[in-house]
Structure formats: structure tokens, C-alpha cells
Amino acid sequence: MTARTEQYRPSRSDLAGMWMFLVAGAIIALWAVAGSVLRIIEVLPNHDVQVPAEFAGTVAEAPIGPDGASVPVALDRATITAETLPALSLASLVIEQVVAAATVVVVVACLVMLSWSVMRGRVFSRRNTTLVTIAGFTGLLGYAAVPFFANMAANGAFARISEHTFDNVVMSVDLAPLMLLGFIAALAAVVFSIGDRMRRDTEGLV
């Protein structure tokens, strides 16, 4: 005779916590989509577009000296306003927001479906392994893609404001968090894959 392994039964406190997680996930997804839509509506008229920008080796004056005297400071980040943006830069801003919202929605949706599966007593399965893998690597790609498109938009704003006389091309992604996120995503996928394999191996035990 064979016997199936008994499914995990969450406690009431576990269920309450997961329900809170589901509600929080829905709120986060809606907030991300709403924020992206509002930003797209803001920039699409392509008039006095405010763009967050990173600076490299740029010195600016700040009134932080005695009696408000100007003191040279190294400018790292600022918001610049361009009367209009090149078409490619405007498209990059829109793509940035679409990618950001899509990343949040996909990650939240996968984690919500994972939590729902756990609430029903199934922790390890091929479906859950797939959900964890999709969530992890979607977050990884989104983390790299969003600043990429944001930098493209900022560089277009620099070019338009300075009439191509200010060279401040910055195309950077913070590698340390990116590598950490990739490691966590891979580790989670491996753990769920091993857990699912162990579950299937034990289901046929006498």
C-alpha cells in the first residue's frame, strides 16, 4: 500500500497573517499601477517635464556658508525640468513606468497565489516553485530595467536643456543590491525545487 503525505495545515494565526499579506499585496499592486498611470498622464503632454537625474563629477553652488554664502558642492542627484523631451526620451519615461508597474504586479500576483496555495495546505509543488522563480527573476529584471529607462530619459533631458553641450551620460545600476536580489531569487527557487522533489519522493513511501 502507498500513502500520501499529509498536507500542511496552517494555524489560525498563520491564516490571519497570510490574509493580511494578501490584502497588503493587493494594495501595493493598486498603488503601483495608480502611481505609474498618474506619472504617464503627467509626462505625456511633453511640456515642462520634470525628470529625476543623476550627475557625475558636477559641481554646483549651495547657500550653506556663513550668512547663506554659496559653497561649492558635488551634485549627485537632482530633478531637472525640460520644456520638451525628445520622442525617445519621452517613450523611455513611459516604458519606465510600465515596467515598474508590471514588475510590482507580477511579483505581488505570484506571491499572492503562493500564499493562497499555502493557506490551502500545499507548500511545496511544481506550481509554487514556478511562482517563486517567476517572482524572483521578474523582480531582478525590473530592478535593472527601471533605472535603465530612467537614465535614458534623463540623458535626453540633459541633451535638450544644454543643446547637446553638457556631457553627463550616466547609465548605472547599483550592482550590490542587484547581485543580492539575484542570489535570493536563485536560492528561493532552489529551496522550493528541492522541497517539491522531497514531497514527491515521500508520497510513494509505504
N, C-alpha and C. Protein backbone atom coordinates (compact mmCIF):
# COMPACT_ATOMS: atom_id res chain seq x y z
N MET A 1 0.83 -1.19 0.00
CA MET A 1 0.00 0.00 0.00
C MET A 1 0.88 1.26 0.00
N THR A 2 0.35 2.27 -0.57
CA THR A 2 1.04 3.54 -0.55
C THR A 2 0.19 4.56 0.19
N ALA A 3 0.85 5.54 0.73
CA ALA A 3 0.14 6.57 1.48
C ALA A 3 0.65 7.93 1.06
N ARG A 4 -0.25 8.88 0.91
CA ARG A 4 0.14 10.24 0.54
C ARG A 4 0.54 10.98 1.80
N THR A 5 1.52 11.86 1.65
CA THR A 5 1.94 12.66 2.79
C THR A 5 0.83 13.63 3.16
N GLU A 6 0.68 13.86 4.45
CA GLU A 6 -0.37 14.74 4.93
C GLU A 6 -0.02 16.19 4.61
N GLN A 7 -1.00 16.92 4.14
CA GLN A 7 -0.75 18.30 3.78
C GLN A 7 -0.59 19.16 5.02
N TYR A 8 0.15 20.25 4.84
CA TYR A 8 0.36 21.19 5.94
C TYR A 8 -0.94 21.90 6.25
N ARG A 9 -1.25 22.04 7.55
CA ARG A 9 -2.46 22.73 7.98
C ARG A 9 -2.06 24.00 8.73
N PRO A 10 -2.24 25.17 8.11
CA PRO A 10 -1.86 26.41 8.78
C PRO A 10 -2.71 26.65 10.02
N SER A 11 -2.10 27.25 11.03
CA SER A 11 -2.84 27.61 12.24
C SER A 11 -3.67 28.86 11.96
N ARG A 12 -4.54 29.19 12.91
CA ARG A 12 -5.37 30.38 12.71
C ARG A 12 -4.53 31.64 12.62
N SER A 13 -3.48 31.71 13.44
CA SER A 13 -2.61 32.89 13.38
C SER A 13 -1.89 32.96 12.03
N ASP A 14 -1.49 31.79 11.51
CA ASP A 14 -0.86 31.77 10.19
C ASP A 14 -1.83 32.27 9.13
N LEU A 15 -3.06 31.80 9.19
CA LEU A 15 -4.07 32.22 8.22
C LEU A 15 -4.35 33.71 8.31
N ALA A 16 -4.42 34.22 9.54
CA ALA A 16 -4.66 35.66 9.71
C ALA A 16 -3.52 36.47 9.11
N GLY A 17 -2.29 36.02 9.36
CA GLY A 17 -1.13 36.71 8.81
C GLY A 17 -1.12 36.67 7.29
N MET A 18 -1.47 35.55 6.71
CA MET A 18 -1.47 35.44 5.25
C MET A 18 -2.59 36.25 4.63
N TRP A 19 -3.75 36.31 5.31
CA TRP A 19 -4.82 37.17 4.79
C TRP A 19 -4.38 38.63 4.79
N MET A 20 -3.68 39.04 5.84
CA MET A 20 -3.15 40.41 5.87
C MET A 20 -2.15 40.62 4.74
N PHE A 21 -1.36 39.60 4.46
CA PHE A 21 -0.40 39.68 3.37
C PHE A 21 -1.12 39.83 2.03
N LEU A 22 -2.20 39.07 1.84
CA LEU A 22 -2.96 39.16 0.60
C LEU A 22 -3.54 40.56 0.41
N VAL A 23 -4.10 41.12 1.47
CA VAL A 23 -4.68 42.46 1.38
C VAL A 23 -3.59 43.49 1.10
N ALA A 24 -2.46 43.37 1.82
CA ALA A 24 -1.36 44.30 1.60
C ALA A 24 -0.82 44.20 0.17
N GLY A 25 -0.75 42.98 -0.35
CA GLY A 25 -0.28 42.79 -1.72
C GLY A 25 -1.19 43.47 -2.73
N ALA A 26 -2.50 43.34 -2.53
CA ALA A 26 -3.45 43.99 -3.45
C ALA A 26 -3.31 45.50 -3.39
N ILE A 27 -3.12 46.04 -2.18
CA ILE A 27 -2.97 47.49 -2.03
C ILE A 27 -1.69 47.96 -2.71
N ILE A 28 -0.61 47.23 -2.53
CA ILE A 28 0.68 47.60 -3.14
C ILE A 28 0.57 47.60 -4.67
N ALA A 29 -0.07 46.56 -5.22
CA ALA A 29 -0.22 46.47 -6.67
C ALA A 29 -1.06 47.63 -7.21
N LEU A 30 -2.16 47.94 -6.54
CA LEU A 30 -3.01 49.05 -6.98
C LEU A 30 -2.27 50.38 -6.87
N TRP A 31 -1.51 50.55 -5.79
CA TRP A 31 -0.75 51.78 -5.60
C TRP A 31 0.29 51.94 -6.69
N ALA A 32 0.97 50.86 -7.06
CA ALA A 32 2.00 50.92 -8.10
C ALA A 32 1.39 51.28 -9.45
N VAL A 33 0.27 50.65 -9.78
CA VAL A 33 -0.38 50.93 -11.06
C VAL A 33 -0.89 52.36 -11.10
N ALA A 34 -1.53 52.81 -10.01
CA ALA A 34 -2.05 54.17 -9.97
C ALA A 34 -0.93 55.20 -10.10
N GLY A 35 0.17 54.97 -9.38
CA GLY A 35 1.30 55.90 -9.47
C GLY A 35 1.88 55.97 -10.86
N SER A 36 2.00 54.82 -11.53
CA SER A 36 2.55 54.80 -12.88
C SER A 36 1.61 55.50 -13.87
N VAL A 37 0.31 55.25 -13.73
CA VAL A 37 -0.66 55.89 -14.62
C VAL A 37 -0.62 57.41 -14.46
N LEU A 38 -0.57 57.87 -13.21
CA LEU A 38 -0.53 59.32 -12.96
C LEU A 38 0.75 59.94 -13.53
N ARG A 39 1.86 59.24 -13.40
CA ARG A 39 3.12 59.74 -13.93
C ARG A 39 3.09 59.81 -15.46
N ILE A 40 2.51 58.79 -16.09
CA ILE A 40 2.39 58.79 -17.55
C ILE A 40 1.50 59.94 -18.01
N ILE A 41 0.38 60.16 -17.32
CA ILE A 41 -0.50 61.28 -17.66
C ILE A 41 0.23 62.61 -17.50
N GLU A 42 1.10 62.68 -16.49
CA GLU A 42 1.84 63.92 -16.23
C GLU A 42 2.83 64.24 -17.34
N VAL A 43 3.51 63.22 -17.87
CA VAL A 43 4.59 63.49 -18.83
C VAL A 43 4.13 63.48 -20.28
N LEU A 44 3.02 62.84 -20.59
CA LEU A 44 2.62 62.70 -21.99
C LEU A 44 2.38 64.02 -22.72
N PRO A 45 1.89 65.08 -22.07
CA PRO A 45 1.78 66.35 -22.81
C PRO A 45 3.12 66.88 -23.29
N ASN A 46 4.22 66.36 -22.72
CA ASN A 46 5.58 66.73 -23.11
C ASN A 46 5.80 68.24 -23.01
N HIS A 47 5.44 68.77 -21.85
CA HIS A 47 5.62 70.20 -21.61
C HIS A 47 6.10 70.40 -20.18
N ASP A 48 7.25 71.05 -20.00
CA ASP A 48 7.86 71.27 -18.68
C ASP A 48 7.91 69.95 -17.90
N VAL A 49 8.57 69.00 -18.48
CA VAL A 49 8.65 67.65 -17.90
C VAL A 49 9.74 67.62 -16.84
N GLN A 50 9.39 67.22 -15.63
CA GLN A 50 10.36 67.08 -14.55
C GLN A 50 10.92 65.65 -14.58
N VAL A 51 12.25 65.58 -14.59
CA VAL A 51 12.92 64.28 -14.71
C VAL A 51 13.98 64.15 -13.62
N PRO A 52 13.90 63.12 -12.77
CA PRO A 52 14.98 62.87 -11.81
C PRO A 52 16.24 62.49 -12.58
N ALA A 53 17.38 63.07 -12.19
CA ALA A 53 18.62 62.83 -12.92
C ALA A 53 19.77 62.62 -11.95
N GLU A 54 20.73 61.81 -12.39
CA GLU A 54 21.96 61.59 -11.65
C GLU A 54 23.08 62.37 -12.33
N PHE A 55 23.97 62.90 -11.52
CA PHE A 55 25.08 63.69 -12.04
C PHE A 55 26.40 62.98 -11.74
N ALA A 56 27.37 63.18 -12.62
CA ALA A 56 28.69 62.57 -12.45
C ALA A 56 29.74 63.66 -12.53
N GLY A 57 30.43 63.91 -11.40
CA GLY A 57 31.50 64.88 -11.39
C GLY A 57 31.05 66.30 -11.67
N THR A 58 29.87 66.67 -11.19
CA THR A 58 29.32 68.01 -11.43
C THR A 58 29.35 68.82 -10.15
N VAL A 59 29.88 70.04 -10.24
CA VAL A 59 29.96 70.93 -9.07
C VAL A 59 28.86 71.97 -9.17
N ALA A 60 28.16 72.21 -8.06
CA ALA A 60 27.11 73.21 -8.01
C ALA A 60 27.34 74.11 -6.80
N GLU A 61 26.60 75.21 -6.73
CA GLU A 61 26.70 76.14 -5.61
C GLU A 61 25.50 75.96 -4.70
N ALA A 62 25.76 75.85 -3.39
CA ALA A 62 24.69 75.72 -2.41
C ALA A 62 24.86 76.78 -1.33
N PRO A 63 23.76 77.44 -0.90
CA PRO A 63 23.85 78.54 0.09
C PRO A 63 23.99 78.01 1.52
N ILE A 64 25.09 77.35 1.79
CA ILE A 64 25.27 76.74 3.11
C ILE A 64 26.44 77.34 3.87
N GLY A 65 27.03 78.41 3.33
CA GLY A 65 28.13 79.07 4.01
C GLY A 65 27.64 80.09 5.01
N PRO A 66 28.54 80.86 5.61
CA PRO A 66 28.15 81.91 6.57
C PRO A 66 27.18 82.91 5.95
N ASP A 67 26.10 83.20 6.65
CA ASP A 67 25.07 84.12 6.17
C ASP A 67 24.52 83.74 4.80
N GLY A 68 24.49 82.44 4.53
CA GLY A 68 23.92 81.97 3.27
C GLY A 68 24.84 82.10 2.09
N ALA A 69 26.13 82.21 2.35
CA ALA A 69 27.08 82.31 1.24
C ALA A 69 27.13 81.01 0.46
N SER A 70 27.36 81.13 -0.84
CA SER A 70 27.41 79.95 -1.70
C SER A 70 28.70 79.18 -1.49
N VAL A 71 28.57 77.86 -1.41
CA VAL A 71 29.71 76.97 -1.23
C VAL A 71 29.64 75.90 -2.30
N PRO A 72 30.75 75.58 -2.96
CA PRO A 72 30.73 74.51 -3.97
C PRO A 72 30.41 73.15 -3.35
N VAL A 73 29.54 72.42 -3.97
CA VAL A 73 29.20 71.07 -3.52
C VAL A 73 29.20 70.14 -4.73
N ALA A 74 29.42 68.86 -4.46
CA ALA A 74 29.34 67.86 -5.53
C ALA A 74 27.89 67.46 -5.71
N LEU A 75 27.37 67.69 -6.90
CA LEU A 75 25.97 67.39 -7.20
C LEU A 75 25.84 65.91 -7.55
N ASP A 76 24.98 65.23 -6.84
CA ASP A 76 24.80 63.79 -7.04
C ASP A 76 23.49 63.51 -7.77
N ARG A 77 22.39 64.01 -7.22
CA ARG A 77 21.08 63.81 -7.84
C ARG A 77 20.27 65.09 -7.74
N ALA A 78 19.42 65.30 -8.73
CA ALA A 78 18.55 66.47 -8.74
C ALA A 78 17.40 66.22 -9.71
N THR A 79 16.39 67.04 -9.61
CA THR A 79 15.28 66.99 -10.56
C THR A 79 15.44 68.15 -11.53
N ILE A 80 15.49 67.83 -12.82
CA ILE A 80 15.64 68.87 -13.84
C ILE A 80 14.34 68.96 -14.63
N THR A 81 14.08 70.14 -15.16
CA THR A 81 12.85 70.38 -15.92
C THR A 81 13.19 70.75 -17.35
N ALA A 82 12.69 69.99 -18.28
CA ALA A 82 12.90 70.26 -19.70
C ALA A 82 11.60 70.76 -20.31
N GLU A 83 11.69 71.79 -21.13
CA GLU A 83 10.48 72.31 -21.78
C GLU A 83 9.80 71.21 -22.58
N THR A 84 10.59 70.47 -23.33
CA THR A 84 10.10 69.29 -24.05
C THR A 84 11.20 68.24 -24.04
N LEU A 85 10.81 67.02 -24.28
CA LEU A 85 11.77 65.92 -24.35
C LEU A 85 11.78 65.34 -25.76
N PRO A 86 12.93 64.82 -26.20
CA PRO A 86 12.94 64.08 -27.47
C PRO A 86 11.98 62.90 -27.39
N ALA A 87 11.49 62.48 -28.53
CA ALA A 87 10.50 61.40 -28.56
C ALA A 87 11.01 60.14 -27.88
N LEU A 88 12.27 59.81 -28.09
CA LEU A 88 12.83 58.60 -27.50
C LEU A 88 12.89 58.70 -25.98
N SER A 89 13.23 59.89 -25.47
CA SER A 89 13.28 60.09 -24.02
C SER A 89 11.88 60.03 -23.41
N LEU A 90 10.91 60.61 -24.10
CA LEU A 90 9.53 60.56 -23.61
C LEU A 90 9.04 59.12 -23.59
N ALA A 91 9.36 58.37 -24.65
CA ALA A 91 8.98 56.95 -24.68
C ALA A 91 9.66 56.18 -23.55
N SER A 92 10.91 56.54 -23.25
CA SER A 92 11.63 55.87 -22.16
C SER A 92 10.96 56.11 -20.82
N LEU A 93 10.46 57.33 -20.60
CA LEU A 93 9.74 57.63 -19.36
C LEU A 93 8.49 56.77 -19.24
N VAL A 94 7.76 56.65 -20.34
CA VAL A 94 6.54 55.84 -20.32
C VAL A 94 6.88 54.37 -20.09
N ILE A 95 7.91 53.87 -20.79
CA ILE A 95 8.31 52.48 -20.62
C ILE A 95 8.77 52.22 -19.20
N GLU A 96 9.50 53.18 -18.63
CA GLU A 96 9.95 53.04 -17.23
C GLU A 96 8.77 52.80 -16.30
N GLN A 97 7.72 53.58 -16.46
CA GLN A 97 6.56 53.44 -15.58
C GLN A 97 5.80 52.14 -15.85
N VAL A 98 5.71 51.74 -17.11
CA VAL A 98 5.04 50.48 -17.44
C VAL A 98 5.80 49.31 -16.84
N VAL A 99 7.12 49.33 -16.99
CA VAL A 99 7.94 48.24 -16.45
C VAL A 99 7.86 48.20 -14.94
N ALA A 100 7.91 49.37 -14.29
CA ALA A 100 7.83 49.42 -12.83
C ALA A 100 6.51 48.85 -12.33
N ALA A 101 5.40 49.28 -12.94
CA ALA A 101 4.10 48.78 -12.51
C ALA A 101 3.95 47.29 -12.80
N ALA A 102 4.39 46.87 -13.99
CA ALA A 102 4.28 45.45 -14.36
C ALA A 102 5.11 44.58 -13.43
N THR A 103 6.29 45.05 -13.05
CA THR A 103 7.14 44.28 -12.14
C THR A 103 6.46 44.06 -10.81
N VAL A 104 5.92 45.15 -10.26
CA VAL A 104 5.24 45.04 -8.96
C VAL A 104 4.03 44.12 -9.05
N VAL A 105 3.23 44.28 -10.11
CA VAL A 105 2.01 43.47 -10.25
C VAL A 105 2.36 42.00 -10.39
N VAL A 106 3.35 41.67 -11.22
CA VAL A 106 3.71 40.26 -11.42
C VAL A 106 4.25 39.65 -10.14
N VAL A 107 5.15 40.37 -9.45
CA VAL A 107 5.72 39.84 -8.21
C VAL A 107 4.63 39.65 -7.16
N VAL A 108 3.78 40.65 -6.99
CA VAL A 108 2.72 40.55 -5.99
C VAL A 108 1.74 39.43 -6.34
N ALA A 109 1.38 39.33 -7.62
CA ALA A 109 0.44 38.28 -8.04
C ALA A 109 1.01 36.90 -7.76
N CYS A 110 2.29 36.70 -8.06
CA CYS A 110 2.91 35.39 -7.80
C CYS A 110 2.93 35.08 -6.31
N LEU A 111 3.29 36.06 -5.49
CA LEU A 111 3.36 35.83 -4.05
C LEU A 111 1.97 35.64 -3.44
N VAL A 112 0.98 36.34 -3.98
CA VAL A 112 -0.39 36.15 -3.50
C VAL A 112 -0.88 34.74 -3.83
N MET A 113 -0.62 34.27 -5.06
CA MET A 113 -1.02 32.91 -5.42
C MET A 113 -0.26 31.87 -4.61
N LEU A 114 1.00 32.16 -4.30
CA LEU A 114 1.78 31.27 -3.44
C LEU A 114 1.17 31.20 -2.05
N SER A 115 0.82 32.36 -1.49
CA SER A 115 0.22 32.39 -0.16
C SER A 115 -1.13 31.67 -0.15
N TRP A 116 -1.90 31.84 -1.21
CA TRP A 116 -3.19 31.16 -1.29
C TRP A 116 -3.01 29.65 -1.31
N SER A 117 -1.99 29.18 -2.02
CA SER A 117 -1.70 27.75 -2.05
C SER A 117 -1.29 27.24 -0.68
N VAL A 118 -0.47 28.02 0.03
CA VAL A 118 -0.05 27.62 1.38
C VAL A 118 -1.25 27.60 2.33
N MET A 119 -2.15 28.56 2.18
CA MET A 119 -3.35 28.59 3.02
C MET A 119 -4.20 27.35 2.80
N ARG A 120 -4.14 26.77 1.62
CA ARG A 120 -4.91 25.56 1.31
C ARG A 120 -4.15 24.30 1.67
N GLY A 121 -2.96 24.44 2.27
CA GLY A 121 -2.25 23.29 2.79
C GLY A 121 -1.14 22.75 1.91
N ARG A 122 -0.83 23.39 0.80
CA ARG A 122 0.21 22.91 -0.09
C ARG A 122 1.35 23.94 -0.15
N VAL A 123 2.48 23.56 0.46
CA VAL A 123 3.63 24.46 0.48
C VAL A 123 4.53 24.21 -0.72
N PHE A 124 4.96 22.96 -0.90
CA PHE A 124 5.88 22.63 -1.98
C PHE A 124 5.14 21.92 -3.11
N SER A 125 5.28 22.46 -4.30
CA SER A 125 4.71 21.86 -5.51
C SER A 125 5.40 22.49 -6.71
N ARG A 126 5.21 21.88 -7.87
CA ARG A 126 5.81 22.45 -9.07
C ARG A 126 5.25 23.84 -9.35
N ARG A 127 3.97 24.00 -9.11
CA ARG A 127 3.33 25.30 -9.33
C ARG A 127 3.95 26.36 -8.42
N ASN A 128 4.14 26.03 -7.16
CA ASN A 128 4.71 27.00 -6.23
C ASN A 128 6.17 27.32 -6.57
N THR A 129 6.90 26.30 -7.01
CA THR A 129 8.28 26.54 -7.43
C THR A 129 8.32 27.50 -8.61
N THR A 130 7.40 27.31 -9.56
CA THR A 130 7.33 28.20 -10.72
C THR A 130 6.97 29.61 -10.29
N LEU A 131 6.03 29.75 -9.35
CA LEU A 131 5.63 31.07 -8.88
C LEU A 131 6.80 31.80 -8.21
N VAL A 132 7.53 31.09 -7.37
CA VAL A 132 8.68 31.70 -6.69
C VAL A 132 9.74 32.11 -7.70
N THR A 133 10.00 31.26 -8.68
CA THR A 133 11.00 31.57 -9.70
C THR A 133 10.60 32.79 -10.53
N ILE A 134 9.34 32.84 -10.95
CA ILE A 134 8.87 33.98 -11.74
C ILE A 134 8.95 35.26 -10.92
N ALA A 135 8.51 35.22 -9.66
CA ALA A 135 8.54 36.41 -8.81
C ALA A 135 9.96 36.91 -8.62
N GLY A 136 10.88 35.99 -8.33
CA GLY A 136 12.25 36.39 -8.08
C GLY A 136 12.93 37.02 -9.27
N PHE A 137 12.83 36.38 -10.41
CA PHE A 137 13.55 36.87 -11.58
C PHE A 137 12.83 38.03 -12.27
N THR A 138 11.52 38.14 -12.07
CA THR A 138 10.83 39.34 -12.55
C THR A 138 11.29 40.56 -11.75
N GLY A 139 11.39 40.39 -10.43
CA GLY A 139 11.91 41.48 -9.60
C GLY A 139 13.33 41.85 -9.99
N LEU A 140 14.13 40.86 -10.30
CA LEU A 140 15.52 41.10 -10.70
C LEU A 140 15.59 41.90 -12.00
N LEU A 141 14.82 41.48 -12.99
CA LEU A 141 14.82 42.19 -14.27
C LEU A 141 14.25 43.60 -14.14
N GLY A 142 13.19 43.73 -13.35
CA GLY A 142 12.59 45.05 -13.14
C GLY A 142 13.55 46.00 -12.44
N TYR A 143 14.31 45.48 -11.46
CA TYR A 143 15.26 46.31 -10.73
C TYR A 143 16.33 46.87 -11.66
N ALA A 144 16.70 46.10 -12.67
CA ALA A 144 17.71 46.57 -13.62
C ALA A 144 17.10 47.44 -14.72
N ALA A 145 15.89 47.11 -15.17
CA ALA A 145 15.31 47.79 -16.32
C ALA A 145 14.79 49.18 -15.98
N VAL A 146 14.19 49.34 -14.80
CA VAL A 146 13.60 50.64 -14.45
C VAL A 146 14.63 51.77 -14.44
N PRO A 147 15.76 51.65 -13.74
CA PRO A 147 16.75 52.73 -13.80
C PRO A 147 17.38 52.91 -15.18
N PHE A 148 17.44 51.83 -15.96
CA PHE A 148 17.99 51.94 -17.31
C PHE A 148 17.16 52.91 -18.14
N PHE A 149 15.83 52.72 -18.14
CA PHE A 149 14.96 53.60 -18.92
C PHE A 149 14.90 55.00 -18.30
N ALA A 150 14.99 55.09 -16.97
CA ALA A 150 15.00 56.40 -16.31
C ALA A 150 16.24 57.18 -16.72
N ASN A 151 17.38 56.51 -16.81
CA ASN A 151 18.62 57.17 -17.23
C ASN A 151 18.55 57.63 -18.69
N MET A 152 17.91 56.82 -19.53
CA MET A 152 17.74 57.23 -20.92
C MET A 152 16.92 58.52 -21.02
N ALA A 153 15.86 58.60 -20.21
CA ALA A 153 15.03 59.80 -20.21
C ALA A 153 15.81 61.00 -19.69
N ALA A 154 16.59 60.81 -18.63
CA ALA A 154 17.36 61.91 -18.05
C ALA A 154 18.42 62.41 -19.03
N ASN A 155 19.08 61.50 -19.72
CA ASN A 155 20.10 61.91 -20.68
C ASN A 155 19.49 62.70 -21.83
N GLY A 156 18.27 62.33 -22.23
CA GLY A 156 17.58 63.11 -23.26
C GLY A 156 17.24 64.50 -22.76
N ALA A 157 16.86 64.60 -21.47
CA ALA A 157 16.56 65.91 -20.90
C ALA A 157 17.81 66.77 -20.84
N PHE A 158 18.95 66.18 -20.44
CA PHE A 158 20.22 66.91 -20.43
C PHE A 158 20.53 67.44 -21.83
N ALA A 159 20.38 66.58 -22.83
CA ALA A 159 20.70 66.97 -24.20
C ALA A 159 19.82 68.12 -24.67
N ARG A 160 18.53 68.07 -24.33
CA ARG A 160 17.61 69.11 -24.79
C ARG A 160 17.87 70.43 -24.07
N ILE A 161 18.11 70.36 -22.75
CA ILE A 161 18.33 71.59 -21.98
C ILE A 161 19.63 72.27 -22.39
N SER A 162 20.70 71.49 -22.56
CA SER A 162 22.03 72.06 -22.84
C SER A 162 22.32 72.18 -24.33
N GLU A 163 21.36 71.78 -25.15
CA GLU A 163 21.58 71.75 -26.60
C GLU A 163 22.82 70.93 -26.95
N HIS A 164 22.91 69.80 -26.28
CA HIS A 164 23.97 68.80 -26.52
C HIS A 164 25.37 69.31 -26.16
N THR A 165 25.45 70.28 -25.22
CA THR A 165 26.76 70.79 -24.82
C THR A 165 27.18 70.30 -23.44
N PHE A 166 26.29 69.64 -22.71
CA PHE A 166 26.62 69.15 -21.37
C PHE A 166 26.66 67.63 -21.41
N ASP A 167 27.85 67.09 -21.18
CA ASP A 167 28.04 65.64 -21.25
C ASP A 167 27.91 65.04 -19.86
N ASN A 168 26.79 64.39 -19.60
CA ASN A 168 26.56 63.79 -18.28
C ASN A 168 25.88 62.44 -18.44
N VAL A 169 26.38 61.63 -19.34
CA VAL A 169 25.76 60.34 -19.61
C VAL A 169 26.05 59.39 -18.45
N VAL A 170 25.02 59.04 -17.72
CA VAL A 170 25.14 58.12 -16.59
C VAL A 170 24.20 56.95 -16.84
N MET A 171 24.74 55.77 -17.00
CA MET A 171 23.93 54.57 -17.21
C MET A 171 24.37 53.54 -16.18
N SER A 172 23.91 53.71 -14.95
CA SER A 172 24.41 52.85 -13.88
C SER A 172 23.27 52.16 -13.15
N VAL A 173 23.57 50.96 -12.72
CA VAL A 173 22.67 50.19 -11.84
C VAL A 173 23.52 49.73 -10.67
N ASP A 174 23.02 49.93 -9.47
CA ASP A 174 23.76 49.53 -8.27
C ASP A 174 23.89 48.01 -8.28
N LEU A 175 25.11 47.52 -8.46
CA LEU A 175 25.32 46.09 -8.67
C LEU A 175 25.17 45.28 -7.39
N ALA A 176 25.52 45.86 -6.23
CA ALA A 176 25.45 45.08 -4.98
C ALA A 176 24.03 44.61 -4.68
N PRO A 177 23.03 45.51 -4.65
CA PRO A 177 21.65 45.02 -4.44
C PRO A 177 21.17 44.10 -5.56
N LEU A 178 21.62 44.38 -6.79
CA LEU A 178 21.21 43.54 -7.92
C LEU A 178 21.73 42.11 -7.74
N MET A 179 22.99 41.98 -7.34
CA MET A 179 23.56 40.66 -7.12
C MET A 179 22.90 39.97 -5.93
N LEU A 180 22.60 40.73 -4.88
CA LEU A 180 21.93 40.15 -3.71
C LEU A 180 20.53 39.66 -4.07
N LEU A 181 19.80 40.47 -4.85
CA LEU A 181 18.46 40.08 -5.28
C LEU A 181 18.52 38.83 -6.15
N GLY A 182 19.52 38.76 -7.04
CA GLY A 182 19.67 37.58 -7.88
C GLY A 182 19.98 36.33 -7.05
N PHE A 183 20.83 36.49 -6.03
CA PHE A 183 21.16 35.37 -5.15
C PHE A 183 19.93 34.89 -4.39
N ILE A 184 19.14 35.83 -3.86
CA ILE A 184 17.93 35.46 -3.11
C ILE A 184 16.93 34.77 -4.02
N ALA A 185 16.76 35.29 -5.24
CA ALA A 185 15.82 34.68 -6.18
C ALA A 185 16.24 33.26 -6.53
N ALA A 186 17.54 33.07 -6.81
CA ALA A 186 18.02 31.73 -7.15
C ALA A 186 17.90 30.78 -5.96
N LEU A 187 18.23 31.27 -4.77
CA LEU A 187 18.15 30.43 -3.57
C LEU A 187 16.71 30.00 -3.30
N ALA A 188 15.77 30.93 -3.41
CA ALA A 188 14.36 30.59 -3.18
C ALA A 188 13.88 29.55 -4.19
N ALA A 189 14.28 29.71 -5.46
CA ALA A 189 13.88 28.74 -6.48
C ALA A 189 14.46 27.36 -6.18
N VAL A 190 15.72 27.31 -5.76
CA VAL A 190 16.36 26.03 -5.44
C VAL A 190 15.69 25.38 -4.24
N VAL A 191 15.41 26.16 -3.19
CA VAL A 191 14.78 25.61 -1.98
C VAL A 191 13.42 25.01 -2.30
N PHE A 192 12.59 25.73 -3.07
CA PHE A 192 11.27 25.21 -3.40
C PHE A 192 11.37 24.01 -4.33
N SER A 193 12.36 24.01 -5.22
CA SER A 193 12.54 22.87 -6.10
C SER A 193 12.92 21.62 -5.31
N ILE A 194 13.83 21.77 -4.34
CA ILE A 194 14.23 20.64 -3.50
C ILE A 194 13.06 20.18 -2.64
N GLY A 195 12.32 21.14 -2.08
CA GLY A 195 11.16 20.78 -1.26
C GLY A 195 10.12 20.00 -2.05
N ASP A 196 9.88 20.42 -3.29
CA ASP A 196 8.92 19.70 -4.13
C ASP A 196 9.41 18.30 -4.46
N ARG A 197 10.71 18.16 -4.72
CA ARG A 197 11.27 16.84 -5.01
C ARG A 197 11.15 15.91 -3.79
N MET A 198 11.43 16.44 -2.62
CA MET A 198 11.30 15.64 -1.39
C MET A 198 9.84 15.22 -1.17
N ARG A 199 8.91 16.14 -1.45
CA ARG A 199 7.50 15.81 -1.30
C ARG A 199 7.09 14.66 -2.21
N ARG A 200 7.52 14.75 -3.48
CA ARG A 200 7.15 13.69 -4.42
C ARG A 200 7.82 12.36 -4.08
N ASP A 201 9.04 12.44 -3.53
CA ASP A 201 9.74 11.21 -3.16
C ASP A 201 9.06 10.50 -1.98
N THR A 202 8.51 11.30 -1.06
CA THR A 202 7.90 10.70 0.15
C THR A 202 6.46 10.28 -0.06
N GLU A 203 5.81 10.76 -1.13
CA GLU A 203 4.41 10.41 -1.35
C GLU A 203 4.24 8.92 -1.67
N GLY A 204 5.27 8.30 -2.18
CA GLY A 204 5.14 6.87 -2.52
C GLY A 204 5.64 5.92 -1.45
N LEU A 205 6.00 6.46 -0.26
CA LEU A 205 6.51 5.59 0.80
C LEU A 205 5.40 4.70 1.36
N VAL A 206 5.79 3.51 1.75
CA VAL A 206 4.82 2.57 2.36
C VAL A 206 4.52 3.02 3.78
